[in-house]
């Protein structure tokens, strides 16, 4: 739900920005639940337990981890590509470079 609200807010911000710049704006379209091909969990609502991904409100899903997770997982995006679903994670990694800590 948070991701949908973020997308709607972004659409209306872009719409009003185009009006302000005297461009030809298109009013944001209504998108039903079947028109989304992805959704994002922002920092909470998901957890990796062994070879399963637990998503709140959905349940446990079997996954194939292609590599180990290094760092703190920040977001989880679930994407549909035709009939196949993919989970992608963005992580925060801290490392030191020339005695300075840089967070990517």
PDB file of N, CA and C in Angstrom:
ATOM      1  N   UNK A   1       0.820  -1.187   0.000  1.00  0.00           N
ATOM      2  CA  UNK A   1       0.000   0.000   0.000  1.00  0.00           C
ATOM      3  C   UNK A   1       0.869   1.258   0.000  1.00  0.00           C
ATOM      4  N   UNK A   2       1.980   1.229   0.755  1.00  0.00           N
ATOM      5  CA  UNK A   2       2.869   2.385   0.773  1.00  0.00           C
ATOM      6  C   UNK A   2       3.427   2.670  -0.614  1.00  0.00           C
ATOM      7  N   UNK A   3       3.773   1.615  -1.333  1.00  0.00           N
ATOM      8  CA  UNK A   3       4.352   1.780  -2.664  1.00  0.00           C
ATOM      9  C   UNK A   3       3.332   2.363  -3.630  1.00  0.00           C
ATOM     10  N   UNK A   4       2.086   1.939  -3.547  1.00  0.00           N
ATOM     11  CA  UNK A   4       1.047   2.468  -4.429  1.00  0.00           C
ATOM     12  C   UNK A   4       0.839   3.953  -4.153  1.00  0.00           C
ATOM     13  N   UNK A   5       0.811   4.340  -2.881  1.00  0.00           N
ATOM     14  CA  UNK A   5       0.658   5.757  -2.544  1.00  0.00           C
ATOM     15  C   UNK A   5       1.850   6.570  -3.036  1.00  0.00           C
ATOM     16  N   UNK A   6       3.035   6.006  -2.956  1.00  0.00           N
ATOM     17  CA  UNK A   6       4.232   6.693  -3.457  1.00  0.00           C
ATOM     18  C   UNK A   6       4.138   6.884  -4.967  1.00  0.00           C
ATOM     19  N   UNK A   7       3.654   5.877  -5.682  1.00  0.00           N
ATOM     20  CA  UNK A   7       3.515   5.975  -7.138  1.00  0.00           C
ATOM     21  C   UNK A   7       2.470   7.016  -7.532  1.00  0.00           C
ATOM     22  N   UNK A   8       1.326   7.032  -6.822  1.00  0.00           N
ATOM     23  CA  UNK A   8       0.269   8.012  -7.121  1.00  0.00           C
ATOM     24  C   UNK A   8       0.780   9.421  -6.851  1.00  0.00           C
ATOM     25  N   UNK A   9       1.471   9.607  -5.732  1.00  0.00           N
ATOM     26  CA  UNK A   9       2.022  10.924  -5.401  1.00  0.00           C
ATOM     27  C   UNK A   9       3.017  11.379  -6.466  1.00  0.00           C
ATOM     28  N   UNK A  10       3.858  10.475  -6.920  1.00  0.00           N
ATOM     29  CA  UNK A  10       4.840  10.806  -7.956  1.00  0.00           C
ATOM     30  C   UNK A  10       4.143  11.190  -9.261  1.00  0.00           C
ATOM     31  N   UNK A  11       3.065  10.490  -9.607  1.00  0.00           N
ATOM     32  CA  UNK A  11       2.319  10.807 -10.828  1.00  0.00           C
ATOM     33  C   UNK A  11       1.716  12.204 -10.771  1.00  0.00           C
ATOM     34  N   UNK A  12       1.094  12.539  -9.645  1.00  0.00           N
ATOM     35  CA  UNK A  12       0.487  13.862  -9.523  1.00  0.00           C
ATOM     36  C   UNK A  12       1.533  14.963  -9.426  1.00  0.00           C
ATOM     37  N   UNK A  13       2.671  14.689  -8.767  1.00  0.00           N
ATOM     38  CA  UNK A  13       3.758  15.679  -8.737  1.00  0.00           C
ATOM     39  C   UNK A  13       4.250  15.983 -10.143  1.00  0.00           C
ATOM     40  N   UNK A  14       4.421  14.940 -10.953  1.00  0.00           N
ATOM     41  CA  UNK A  14       4.854  15.136 -12.342  1.00  0.00           C
ATOM     42  C   UNK A  14       3.802  15.888 -13.154  1.00  0.00           C
ATOM     43  N   UNK A  15       2.531  15.576 -12.926  1.00  0.00           N
ATOM     44  CA  UNK A  15       1.432  16.247 -13.622  1.00  0.00           C
ATOM     45  C   UNK A  15       1.443  17.751 -13.331  1.00  0.00           C
ATOM     46  N   UNK A  16       1.523  18.117 -12.049  1.00  0.00           N
ATOM     47  CA  UNK A  16       1.511  19.527 -11.681  1.00  0.00           C
ATOM     48  C   UNK A  16       2.799  20.238 -12.081  1.00  0.00           C
ATOM     49  N   UNK A  17       3.913  19.536 -12.110  1.00  0.00           N
ATOM     50  CA  UNK A  17       5.167  20.124 -12.591  1.00  0.00           C
ATOM     51  C   UNK A  17       5.048  20.480 -14.062  1.00  0.00           C
ATOM     52  N   UNK A  18       4.429  19.603 -14.857  1.00  0.00           N
ATOM     53  CA  UNK A  18       4.245  19.881 -16.283  1.00  0.00           C
ATOM     54  C   UNK A  18       3.304  21.067 -16.500  1.00  0.00           C
ATOM     55  N   UNK A  19       2.252  21.176 -15.695  1.00  0.00           N
ATOM     56  CA  UNK A  19       1.341  22.326 -15.804  1.00  0.00           C
ATOM     57  C   UNK A  19       2.097  23.613 -15.495  1.00  0.00           C
ATOM     58  N   UNK A  20       2.892  23.602 -14.445  1.00  0.00           N
ATOM     59  CA  UNK A  20       3.640  24.786 -14.039  1.00  0.00           C
ATOM     60  C   UNK A  20       4.634  25.223 -15.115  1.00  0.00           C
ATOM     61  N   UNK A  21       5.242  24.253 -15.825  1.00  0.00           N
ATOM     62  CA  UNK A  21       6.223  24.549 -16.875  1.00  0.00           C
ATOM     63  C   UNK A  21       5.575  24.783 -18.238  1.00  0.00           C
ATOM     64  N   UNK A  22       4.239  24.852 -18.273  1.00  0.00           N
ATOM     65  CA  UNK A  22       3.479  25.100 -19.505  1.00  0.00           C
ATOM     66  C   UNK A  22       3.736  24.036 -20.575  1.00  0.00           C
ATOM     67  N   UNK A  23       3.929  22.812 -20.142  1.00  0.00           N
ATOM     68  CA  UNK A  23       4.045  21.672 -21.064  1.00  0.00           C
ATOM     69  C   UNK A  23       2.649  21.096 -21.245  1.00  0.00           C
ATOM     70  N   UNK A  24       2.513  20.110 -22.118  1.00  0.00           N
ATOM     71  CA  UNK A  24       1.198  19.488 -22.278  1.00  0.00           C
ATOM     72  C   UNK A  24       1.123  18.272 -21.348  1.00  0.00           C
ATOM     73  N   UNK A  25       0.431  18.435 -20.221  1.00  0.00           N
ATOM     74  CA  UNK A  25       0.380  17.331 -19.260  1.00  0.00           C
ATOM     75  C   UNK A  25      -0.736  16.358 -19.596  1.00  0.00           C
ATOM     76  N   UNK A  26      -0.556  15.141 -19.192  1.00  0.00           N
ATOM     77  CA  UNK A  26      -1.618  14.158 -19.281  1.00  0.00           C
ATOM     78  C   UNK A  26      -2.043  13.815 -17.860  1.00  0.00           C
ATOM     79  N   UNK A  27      -3.344  13.855 -17.612  1.00  0.00           N
ATOM     80  CA  UNK A  27      -3.831  13.553 -16.265  1.00  0.00           C
ATOM     81  C   UNK A  27      -3.502  12.108 -15.930  1.00  0.00           C
ATOM     82  N   UNK A  28      -3.011  11.829 -14.713  1.00  0.00           N
ATOM     83  CA  UNK A  28      -2.647  10.445 -14.350  1.00  0.00           C
ATOM     84  C   UNK A  28      -3.832   9.498 -14.480  1.00  0.00           C
ATOM     85  N   UNK A  29      -3.601   8.362 -15.087  1.00  0.00           N
ATOM     86  CA  UNK A  29      -4.644   7.366 -15.288  1.00  0.00           C
ATOM     87  C   UNK A  29      -4.880   6.561 -14.025  1.00  0.00           C
ATOM     88  N   UNK A  30      -6.108   6.086 -13.897  1.00  0.00           N
ATOM     89  CA  UNK A  30      -6.407   5.140 -12.827  1.00  0.00           C
ATOM     90  C   UNK A  30      -5.817   3.801 -13.209  1.00  0.00           C
ATOM     91  N   UNK A  31      -5.118   3.180 -12.267  1.00  0.00           N
ATOM     92  CA  UNK A  31      -4.562   1.854 -12.511  1.00  0.00           C
ATOM     93  C   UNK A  31      -5.184   0.881 -11.525  1.00  0.00           C
ATOM     94  N   UNK A  32      -5.896  -0.090 -12.046  1.00  0.00           N
ATOM     95  CA  UNK A  32      -6.484  -1.129 -11.207  1.00  0.00           C
ATOM     96  C   UNK A  32      -5.416  -2.087 -10.719  1.00  0.00           C
ATOM     97  N   UNK A  33      -5.788  -2.982  -9.835  1.00  0.00           N
ATOM     98  CA  UNK A  33      -4.833  -3.918  -9.256  1.00  0.00           C
ATOM     99  C   UNK A  33      -4.193  -4.831 -10.300  1.00  0.00           C
ATOM    100  N   UNK A  34      -4.868  -5.084 -11.410  1.00  0.00           N
ATOM    101  CA  UNK A  34      -4.326  -5.988 -12.424  1.00  0.00           C
ATOM    102  C   UNK A  34      -3.399  -5.291 -13.413  1.00  0.00           C
ATOM    103  N   UNK A  35      -3.206  -3.970 -13.292  1.00  0.00           N
ATOM    104  CA  UNK A  35      -2.335  -3.242 -14.213  1.00  0.00           C
ATOM    105  C   UNK A  35      -0.929  -3.049 -13.681  1.00  0.00           C
ATOM    106  N   UNK A  36      -0.682  -3.451 -12.444  1.00  0.00           N
ATOM    107  CA  UNK A  36       0.651  -3.335 -11.860  1.00  0.00           C
ATOM    108  C   UNK A  36       1.429  -4.614 -12.116  1.00  0.00           C
ATOM    109  N   UNK A  37       2.681  -4.464 -12.522  1.00  0.00           N
ATOM    110  CA  UNK A  37       3.545  -5.617 -12.736  1.00  0.00           C
ATOM    111  C   UNK A  37       4.595  -5.757 -11.647  1.00  0.00           C
ATOM    112  N   UNK A  38       4.576  -4.856 -10.678  1.00  0.00           N
ATOM    113  CA  UNK A  38       5.538  -4.948  -9.578  1.00  0.00           C
ATOM    114  C   UNK A  38       5.002  -4.231  -8.361  1.00  0.00           C
ATOM    115  N   UNK A  39       5.547  -4.593  -7.217  1.00  0.00           N
ATOM    116  CA  UNK A  39       5.272  -3.872  -5.982  1.00  0.00           C
ATOM    117  C   UNK A  39       6.504  -3.961  -5.102  1.00  0.00           C
ATOM    118  N   UNK A  40       6.630  -2.996  -4.190  1.00  0.00           N
ATOM    119  CA  UNK A  40       7.844  -2.873  -3.399  1.00  0.00           C
ATOM    120  C   UNK A  40       7.507  -2.833  -1.918  1.00  0.00           C
ATOM    121  N   UNK A  41       8.280  -3.584  -1.140  1.00  0.00           N
ATOM    122  CA  UNK A  41       8.229  -3.501   0.314  1.00  0.00           C
ATOM    123  C   UNK A  41       9.365  -2.588   0.737  1.00  0.00           C
ATOM    124  N   UNK A  42       9.046  -1.524   1.460  1.00  0.00           N
ATOM    125  CA  UNK A  42      10.043  -0.562   1.896  1.00  0.00           C
ATOM    126  C   UNK A  42      10.493  -0.882   3.320  1.00  0.00           C
ATOM    127  N   UNK A  43      11.604  -1.525   3.474  1.00  0.00           N
ATOM    128  CA  UNK A  43      12.307  -1.818   4.723  1.00  0.00           C
ATOM    129  C   UNK A  43      11.616  -2.809   5.648  1.00  0.00           C
ATOM    130  N   UNK A  44      10.322  -2.948   5.630  1.00  0.00           N
ATOM    131  CA  UNK A  44       9.656  -3.920   6.492  1.00  0.00           C
ATOM    132  C   UNK A  44       8.626  -4.689   5.678  1.00  0.00           C
ATOM    133  N   UNK A  45       8.156  -5.794   6.261  1.00  0.00           N
ATOM    134  CA  UNK A  45       7.115  -6.578   5.611  1.00  0.00           C
ATOM    135  C   UNK A  45       7.645  -7.778   4.861  1.00  0.00           C
ATOM    136  N   UNK A  46       8.955  -7.982   4.873  1.00  0.00           N
ATOM    137  CA  UNK A  46       9.547  -9.141   4.202  1.00  0.00           C
ATOM    138  C   UNK A  46      10.691  -9.672   5.045  1.00  0.00           C
ATOM    139  N   UNK A  47      10.988 -10.956   4.855  1.00  0.00           N
ATOM    140  CA  UNK A  47      12.074 -11.586   5.599  1.00  0.00           C
ATOM    141  C   UNK A  47      12.512 -12.834   4.848  1.00  0.00           C
ATOM    142  N   UNK A  48      13.820 -13.068   4.771  1.00  0.00           N
ATOM    143  CA  UNK A  48      14.349 -14.279   4.150  1.00  0.00           C
ATOM    144  C   UNK A  48      14.616 -15.282   5.260  1.00  0.00           C
ATOM    145  N   UNK A  49      13.963 -16.434   5.161  1.00  0.00           N
ATOM    146  CA  UNK A  49      14.128 -17.509   6.140  1.00  0.00           C
ATOM    147  C   UNK A  49      14.546 -18.760   5.374  1.00  0.00           C
ATOM    148  N   UNK A  50      15.842 -19.066   5.415  1.00  0.00           N
ATOM    149  CA  UNK A  50      16.356 -20.222   4.681  1.00  0.00           C
ATOM    150  C   UNK A  50      16.184 -20.026   3.192  1.00  0.00           C
ATOM    151  N   UNK A  51      15.430 -20.920   2.541  1.00  0.00           N
ATOM    152  CA  UNK A  51      15.189 -20.804   1.107  1.00  0.00           C
ATOM    153  C   UNK A  51      13.784 -20.290   0.823  1.00  0.00           C
ATOM    154  N   UNK A  52      13.193 -19.592   1.791  1.00  0.00           N
ATOM    155  CA  UNK A  52      11.857 -19.029   1.618  1.00  0.00           C
ATOM    156  C   UNK A  52      11.886 -17.531   1.867  1.00  0.00           C
ATOM    157  N   UNK A  53      11.040 -16.842   1.148  1.00  0.00           N
ATOM    158  CA  UNK A  53      10.846 -15.407   1.338  1.00  0.00           C
ATOM    159  C   UNK A  53       9.468 -15.215   1.946  1.00  0.00           C
ATOM    160  N   UNK A  54       9.433 -14.652   3.149  1.00  0.00           N
ATOM    161  CA  UNK A  54       8.155 -14.391   3.812  1.00  0.00           C
ATOM    162  C   UNK A  54       7.731 -12.967   3.497  1.00  0.00           C
ATOM    163  N   UNK A  55       6.570 -12.828   2.847  1.00  0.00           N
ATOM    164  CA  UNK A  55       6.000 -11.526   2.519  1.00  0.00           C
ATOM    165  C   UNK A  55       4.741 -11.330   3.348  1.00  0.00           C
ATOM    166  N   UNK A  56       4.643 -10.181   4.050  1.00  0.00           N
ATOM    167  CA  UNK A  56       3.453  -9.935   4.851  1.00  0.00           C
ATOM    168  C   UNK A  56       2.238  -9.839   3.937  1.00  0.00           C
ATOM    169  N   UNK A  57       1.131 -10.306   4.418  1.00  0.00           N
ATOM    170  CA  UNK A  57      -0.159 -10.325   3.721  1.00  0.00           C
ATOM    171  C   UNK A  57      -0.205 -11.336   2.570  1.00  0.00           C
ATOM    172  N   UNK A  58       0.939 -11.975   2.247  1.00  0.00           N
ATOM    173  CA  UNK A  58       0.969 -12.952   1.161  1.00  0.00           C
ATOM    174  C   UNK A  58       1.324 -14.331   1.697  1.00  0.00           C
ATOM    175  N   UNK A  59       2.429 -14.431   2.435  1.00  0.00           N
ATOM    176  CA  UNK A  59       2.848 -15.696   3.005  1.00  0.00           C
ATOM    177  C   UNK A  59       4.258 -16.061   2.578  1.00  0.00           C
ATOM    178  N   UNK A  60       4.587 -17.346   2.715  1.00  0.00           N
ATOM    179  CA  UNK A  60       5.916 -17.839   2.378  1.00  0.00           C
ATOM    180  C   UNK A  60       5.980 -18.256   0.911  1.00  0.00           C
ATOM    181  N   UNK A  61       7.095 -17.900   0.271  1.00  0.00           N
ATOM    182  CA  UNK A  61       7.313 -18.208  -1.136  1.00  0.00           C
ATOM    183  C   UNK A  61       8.678 -18.860  -1.263  1.00  0.00           C
ATOM    184  N   UNK A  62       8.756 -19.966  -1.995  1.00  0.00           N
ATOM    185  CA  UNK A  62      10.048 -20.590  -2.256  1.00  0.00           C
ATOM    186  C   UNK A  62      10.851 -19.711  -3.204  1.00  0.00           C
ATOM    187  N   UNK A  63      12.135 -19.529  -2.895  1.00  0.00           N
ATOM    188  CA  UNK A  63      12.989 -18.722  -3.762  1.00  0.00           C
ATOM    189  C   UNK A  63      14.296 -19.455  -4.014  1.00  0.00           C
ATOM    190  N   UNK A  64      14.980 -19.057  -5.075  1.00  0.00           N
ATOM    191  CA  UNK A  64      16.319 -19.545  -5.388  1.00  0.00           C
ATOM    192  C   UNK A  64      17.273 -18.378  -5.195  1.00  0.00           C
ATOM    193  N   UNK A  65      18.086 -18.456  -4.154  1.00  0.00           N
ATOM    194  CA  UNK A  65      19.072 -17.408  -3.910  1.00  0.00           C
ATOM    195  C   UNK A  65      20.280 -17.670  -4.794  1.00  0.00           C
ATOM    196  N   UNK A  66      20.635 -16.718  -5.635  1.00  0.00           N
ATOM    197  CA  UNK A  66      21.753 -16.884  -6.546  1.00  0.00           C
ATOM    198  C   UNK A  66      23.071 -16.479  -5.917  1.00  0.00           C
ATOM    199  N   UNK A  67      23.004 -15.704  -4.849  1.00  0.00           N
ATOM    200  CA  UNK A  67      24.203 -15.314  -4.113  1.00  0.00           C
ATOM    201  C   UNK A  67      23.809 -14.943  -2.698  1.00  0.00           C
ATOM    202  N   UNK A  68      24.784 -14.940  -1.814  1.00  0.00           N
ATOM    203  CA  UNK A  68      24.517 -14.571  -0.430  1.00  0.00           C
ATOM    204  C   UNK A  68      24.279 -13.072  -0.318  1.00  0.00           C
ATOM    205  N   UNK A  69      23.425 -12.702   0.615  1.00  0.00           N
ATOM    206  CA  UNK A  69      23.154 -11.290   0.855  1.00  0.00           C
ATOM    207  C   UNK A  69      24.245 -10.725   1.747  1.00  0.00           C
ATOM    208  N   UNK A  70      24.890  -9.675   1.285  1.00  0.00           N
ATOM    209  CA  UNK A  70      25.915  -8.993   2.054  1.00  0.00           C
ATOM    210  C   UNK A  70      25.392  -7.597   2.351  1.00  0.00           C
ATOM    211  N   UNK A  71      25.360  -7.224   3.610  1.00  0.00           N
ATOM    212  CA  UNK A  71      24.866  -5.910   3.991  1.00  0.00           C
ATOM    213  C   UNK A  71      23.448  -5.979   4.507  1.00  0.00           C
ATOM    214  N   UNK A  72      22.874  -4.820   4.771  1.00  0.00           N
ATOM    215  CA  UNK A  72      21.523  -4.720   5.299  1.00  0.00           C
ATOM    216  C   UNK A  72      20.542  -4.532   4.150  1.00  0.00           C
ATOM    217  N   UNK A  73      19.534  -5.391   4.083  1.00  0.00           N
ATOM    218  CA  UNK A  73      18.529  -5.312   3.018  1.00  0.00           C
ATOM    219  C   UNK A  73      17.614  -4.132   3.301  1.00  0.00           C
ATOM    220  N   UNK A  74      17.481  -3.231   2.326  1.00  0.00           N
ATOM    221  CA  UNK A  74      16.673  -2.029   2.493  1.00  0.00           C
ATOM    222  C   UNK A  74      15.291  -2.166   1.856  1.00  0.00           C
ATOM    223  N   UNK A  75      15.205  -2.670   0.622  1.00  0.00           N
ATOM    224  CA  UNK A  75      13.912  -2.818  -0.041  1.00  0.00           C
ATOM    225  C   UNK A  75      13.844  -4.161  -0.753  1.00  0.00           C
ATOM    226  N   UNK A  76      12.634  -4.614  -0.957  1.00  0.00           N
ATOM    227  CA  UNK A  76      12.375  -5.846  -1.700  1.00  0.00           C
ATOM    228  C   UNK A  76      11.323  -5.518  -2.751  1.00  0.00           C
ATOM    229  N   UNK A  77      11.659  -5.732  -4.014  1.00  0.00           N
ATOM    230  CA  UNK A  77      10.725  -5.488  -5.105  1.00  0.00           C
ATOM    231  C   UNK A  77      10.342  -6.821  -5.725  1.00  0.00           C
ATOM    232  N   UNK A  78       9.052  -7.065  -5.835  1.00  0.00           N
ATOM    233  CA  UNK A  78       8.525  -8.269  -6.466  1.00  0.00           C
ATOM    234  C   UNK A  78       8.017  -7.848  -7.838  1.00  0.00           C
ATOM    235  N   UNK A  79       8.539  -8.501  -8.891  1.00  0.00           N
ATOM    236  CA  UNK A  79       8.219  -8.096 -10.253  1.00  0.00           C
ATOM    237  C   UNK A  79       7.694  -9.285 -11.049  1.00  0.00           C
ATOM    238  N   UNK A  80       6.668  -9.036 -11.877  1.00  0.00           N
ATOM    239  CA  UNK A  80       6.116 -10.070 -12.746  1.00  0.00           C
ATOM    240  C   UNK A  80       6.592  -9.821 -14.164  1.00  0.00           C
ATOM    241  N   UNK A  81       7.158 -10.851 -14.789  1.00  0.00           N
ATOM    242  CA  UNK A  81       7.575 -10.785 -16.183  1.00  0.00           C
ATOM    243  C   UNK A  81       6.878 -11.946 -16.894  1.00  0.00           C
ATOM    244  N   UNK A  82       5.832 -11.658 -17.603  1.00  0.00           N
ATOM    245  CA  UNK A  82       4.912 -12.604 -18.233  1.00  0.00           C
ATOM    246  C   UNK A  82       4.295 -13.469 -17.132  1.00  0.00           C
ATOM    247  N   UNK A  83       4.711 -14.727 -16.979  1.00  0.00           N
ATOM    248  CA  UNK A  83       4.147 -15.589 -15.934  1.00  0.00           C
ATOM    249  C   UNK A  83       5.165 -15.929 -14.856  1.00  0.00           C
ATOM    250  N   UNK A  84       6.314 -15.273 -14.846  1.00  0.00           N
ATOM    251  CA  UNK A  84       7.377 -15.568 -13.888  1.00  0.00           C
ATOM    252  C   UNK A  84       7.517 -14.378 -12.943  1.00  0.00           C
ATOM    253  N   UNK A  85       7.663 -14.670 -11.668  1.00  0.00           N
ATOM    254  CA  UNK A  85       7.825 -13.634 -10.656  1.00  0.00           C
ATOM    255  C   UNK A  85       9.274 -13.603 -10.184  1.00  0.00           C
ATOM    256  N   UNK A  86       9.816 -12.408  -9.992  1.00  0.00           N
ATOM    257  CA  UNK A  86      11.189 -12.220  -9.533  1.00  0.00           C
ATOM    258  C   UNK A  86      11.187 -11.340  -8.288  1.00  0.00           C
ATOM    259  N   UNK A  87      12.122 -11.610  -7.400  1.00  0.00           N
ATOM    260  CA  UNK A  87      12.326 -10.762  -6.226  1.00  0.00           C
ATOM    261  C   UNK A  87      13.709 -10.147  -6.352  1.00  0.00           C
ATOM    262  N   UNK A  88      13.784  -8.835  -6.217  1.00  0.00           N
ATOM    263  CA  UNK A  88      15.086  -8.174  -6.227  1.00  0.00           C
ATOM    264  C   UNK A  88      15.213  -7.351  -4.951  1.00  0.00           C
ATOM    265  N   UNK A  89      16.408  -7.347  -4.417  1.00  0.00           N
ATOM    266  CA  UNK A  89      16.673  -6.687  -3.150  1.00  0.00           C
ATOM    267  C   UNK A  89      17.700  -5.588  -3.354  1.00  0.00           C
ATOM    268  N   UNK A  90      17.526  -4.478  -2.668  1.00  0.00           N
ATOM    269  CA  UNK A  90      18.577  -3.465  -2.629  1.00  0.00           C
ATOM    270  C   UNK A  90      19.146  -3.486  -1.214  1.00  0.00           C
ATOM    271  N   UNK A  91      20.463  -3.462  -1.137  1.00  0.00           N
ATOM    272  CA  UNK A  91      21.138  -3.575   0.148  1.00  0.00           C
ATOM    273  C   UNK A  91      22.041  -2.375   0.388  1.00  0.00           C
ATOM    274  N   UNK A  92      22.324  -2.128   1.654  1.00  0.00           N
ATOM    275  CA  UNK A  92      23.230  -1.071   2.042  1.00  0.00           C
ATOM    276  C   UNK A  92      24.502  -1.731   2.550  1.00  0.00           C
ATOM    277  N   UNK A  93      25.626  -1.370   1.940  1.00  0.00           N
ATOM    278  CA  UNK A  93      26.916  -1.959   2.298  1.00  0.00           C
ATOM    279  C   UNK A  93      27.829  -0.848   2.781  1.00  0.00           C
ATOM    280  N   UNK A  94      28.432  -1.050   3.934  1.00  0.00           N
ATOM    281  CA  UNK A  94      29.402  -0.087   4.454  1.00  0.00           C
ATOM    282  C   UNK A  94      30.793  -0.703   4.300  1.00  0.00           C
ATOM    283  N   UNK A  95      31.715   0.059   3.742  1.00  0.00           N
ATOM    284  CA  UNK A  95      33.089  -0.410   3.637  1.00  0.00           C
ATOM    285  C   UNK A  95      34.024   0.770   3.838  1.00  0.00           C
ATOM    286  N   UNK A  96      35.267   0.470   4.194  1.00  0.00           N
ATOM    287  CA  UNK A  96      36.215   1.552   4.438  1.00  0.00           C
ATOM    288  C   UNK A  96      37.143   1.693   3.247  1.00  0.00           C
ATOM    289  N   UNK A  97      37.433   2.942   2.900  1.00  0.00           N
ATOM    290  CA  UNK A  97      38.313   3.256   1.794  1.00  0.00           C
ATOM    291  C   UNK A  97      39.224   4.383   2.256  1.00  0.00           C
ATOM    292  N   UNK A  98      40.512   4.100   2.349  1.00  0.00           N
ATOM    293  CA  UNK A  98      41.487   5.072   2.831  1.00  0.00           C
ATOM    294  C   UNK A  98      41.092   5.628   4.202  1.00  0.00           C
ATOM    295  N   UNK A  99      40.735   4.717   5.090  1.00  0.00           N
ATOM    296  CA  UNK A  99      40.394   5.022   6.485  1.00  0.00           C
ATOM    297  C   UNK A  99      39.148   5.906   6.610  1.00  0.00           C
ATOM    298  N   UNK A 100      38.307   5.934   5.604  1.00  0.00           N
ATOM    299  CA  UNK A 100      37.028   6.654   5.680  1.00  0.00           C
ATOM    300  C   UNK A 100      35.914   5.648   5.426  1.00  0.00           C
ATOM    301  N   UNK A 101      34.839   5.767   6.155  1.00  0.00           N
ATOM    302  CA  UNK A 101      33.712   4.880   5.965  1.00  0.00           C
ATOM    303  C   UNK A 101      32.748   5.512   4.975  1.00  0.00           C
ATOM    304  N   UNK A 102      32.435   4.775   3.938  1.00  0.00           N
ATOM    305  CA  UNK A 102      31.521   5.241   2.898  1.00  0.00           C
ATOM    306  C   UNK A 102      30.345   4.264   2.856  1.00  0.00           C
ATOM    307  N   UNK A 103      29.138   4.794   2.863  1.00  0.00           N
ATOM    308  CA  UNK A 103      27.939   3.958   2.768  1.00  0.00           C
ATOM    309  C   UNK A 103      27.374   4.100   1.380  1.00  0.00           C
ATOM    310  N   UNK A 104      27.210   2.968   0.696  1.00  0.00           N
ATOM    311  CA  UNK A 104      26.677   2.968  -0.659  1.00  0.00           C
ATOM    312  C   UNK A 104      25.213   2.621  -0.609  1.00  0.00           C
TER     313      UNK A 104
END
